[in-house]
Amino acid sequence: VTRRHLYIEWETGDRELYVLQEDPHETRSIHHTADAALVGSLEDRLDALKACSGQACRDAEDAS
């Protein structure tokens, strides 16, 4: 979750992306139509959070 987006990767491989200000109830995923650079950035951030500990987690959480 960033200030603007909610990005989800499910264990099944499905992915969802929501623009929280425009869709606060998370009813319309834009993953398939979103800018590839945005999706890539969110994927990278999630990967960093999966593998981090300590200060590295705080740094990854603060990146937005």
C-alpha atoms as a PDB file:
ATOM      1  CA  VAL A   1       0.000   0.000   0.000  1.00  0.00           C
ATOM      2  CA  THR A   2       1.223   3.457  -0.902  1.00  0.00           C
ATOM      3  CA  ARG A   3      -0.523   6.761  -0.304  1.00  0.00           C
ATOM      4  CA  ARG A   4      -2.149   6.374  -3.710  1.00  0.00           C
ATOM      5  CA  HIS A   5      -2.238   2.659  -4.600  1.00  0.00           C
ATOM      6  CA  LEU A   6      -3.041  -0.767  -3.230  1.00  0.00           C
ATOM      7  CA  TYR A   7      -1.136  -3.522  -5.044  1.00  0.00           C
ATOM      8  CA  ILE A   8      -1.807  -7.204  -4.293  1.00  0.00           C
ATOM      9  CA  GLU A   9      -0.104 -10.370  -5.522  1.00  0.00           C
ATOM     10  CA  TRP A  10      -1.996 -13.541  -4.606  1.00  0.00           C
ATOM     11  CA  GLU A  11      -0.365 -16.943  -4.198  1.00  0.00           C
ATOM     12  CA  THR A  12      -2.388 -18.065  -7.235  1.00  0.00           C
ATOM     13  CA  GLY A  13      -0.477 -15.562  -9.366  1.00  0.00           C
ATOM     14  CA  ASP A  14      -3.419 -13.183  -9.681  1.00  0.00           C
ATOM     15  CA  ARG A  15      -2.656  -9.498  -9.196  1.00  0.00           C
ATOM     16  CA  GLU A  16      -4.817  -6.513  -8.323  1.00  0.00           C
ATOM     17  CA  LEU A  17      -4.133  -2.784  -8.367  1.00  0.00           C
ATOM     18  CA  TYR A  18      -6.422  -0.067  -7.056  1.00  0.00           C
ATOM     19  CA  VAL A  19      -6.184   3.725  -7.042  1.00  0.00           C
ATOM     20  CA  LEU A  20      -7.363   4.398  -3.510  1.00  0.00           C
ATOM     21  CA  GLN A  21      -8.543   7.995  -3.969  1.00  0.00           C
ATOM     22  CA  GLU A  22     -10.659   7.070  -6.984  1.00  0.00           C
ATOM     23  CA  ASP A  23     -11.791   3.639  -5.757  1.00  0.00           C
ATOM     24  CA  PRO A  24     -11.641   3.576  -1.935  1.00  0.00           C
ATOM     25  CA  HIS A  25     -13.776   0.424  -1.741  1.00  0.00           C
ATOM     26  CA  GLU A  26     -11.423  -1.468  -4.090  1.00  0.00           C
ATOM     27  CA  THR A  27     -14.077  -2.502  -6.588  1.00  0.00           C
ATOM     28  CA  ARG A  28     -12.199  -1.943  -9.892  1.00  0.00           C
ATOM     29  CA  SER A  29      -8.725  -3.387 -10.285  1.00  0.00           C
ATOM     30  CA  ILE A  30      -6.703  -1.556 -12.928  1.00  0.00           C
ATOM     31  CA  HIS A  31      -3.820  -4.041 -12.976  1.00  0.00           C
ATOM     32  CA  HIS A  32      -4.327  -5.022 -16.617  1.00  0.00           C
ATOM     33  CA  THR A  33      -4.599  -1.426 -17.884  1.00  0.00           C
ATOM     34  CA  ALA A  34      -2.128   0.338 -15.608  1.00  0.00           C
ATOM     35  CA  ASP A  35       1.150   1.811 -16.798  1.00  0.00           C
ATOM     36  CA  ALA A  36       3.775  -0.947 -16.902  1.00  0.00           C
ATOM     37  CA  ALA A  37       6.327   1.254 -15.129  1.00  0.00           C
ATOM     38  CA  LEU A  38       3.923   1.777 -12.212  1.00  0.00           C
ATOM     39  CA  VAL A  39       3.185  -1.946 -11.914  1.00  0.00           C
ATOM     40  CA  GLY A  40       6.907  -2.733 -12.118  1.00  0.00           C
ATOM     41  CA  SER A  41       7.690  -0.234  -9.391  1.00  0.00           C
ATOM     42  CA  LEU A  42       5.022  -1.678  -7.104  1.00  0.00           C
ATOM     43  CA  GLU A  43       6.212  -5.244  -7.833  1.00  0.00           C
ATOM     44  CA  ASP A  44       9.782  -4.237  -6.949  1.00  0.00           C
ATOM     45  CA  ARG A  45       8.646  -2.577  -3.738  1.00  0.00           C
ATOM     46  CA  LEU A  46       6.628  -5.630  -2.707  1.00  0.00           C
ATOM     47  CA  ASP A  47       9.607  -7.903  -3.442  1.00  0.00           C
ATOM     48  CA  ALA A  48      11.798  -5.677  -1.251  1.00  0.00           C
ATOM     49  CA  LEU A  49       9.277  -5.898   1.580  1.00  0.00           C
ATOM     50  CA  LYS A  50       9.066  -9.691   1.286  1.00  0.00           C
ATOM     51  CA  ALA A  51      12.805 -10.088   1.832  1.00  0.00           C
ATOM     52  CA  CYS A  52      13.655  -7.233   4.203  1.00  0.00           C
ATOM     53  CA  SER A  53      14.340  -6.891   7.906  1.00  0.00           C
ATOM     54  CA  GLY A  54      14.964  -3.996  10.269  1.00  0.00           C
ATOM     55  CA  GLN A  55      15.828  -0.662   8.708  1.00  0.00           C
ATOM     56  CA  ALA A  56      15.550  -2.063   5.182  1.00  0.00           C
ATOM     57  CA  CYS A  57      11.822  -2.672   5.819  1.00  0.00           C
ATOM     58  CA  ARG A  58      11.309   0.851   7.090  1.00  0.00           C
ATOM     59  CA  ASP A  59      13.120   2.215   4.038  1.00  0.00           C
ATOM     60  CA  ALA A  60      11.008   0.086   1.679  1.00  0.00           C
ATOM     61  CA  GLU A  61       7.788   1.164   3.428  1.00  0.00           C
ATOM     62  CA  ASP A  62       8.736   4.832   3.144  1.00  0.00           C
ATOM     63  CA  ALA A  63       9.484   4.660  -0.590  1.00  0.00           C
ATOM     64  CA  SER A  64       6.496   6.009  -2.481  1.00  0.00           C
END
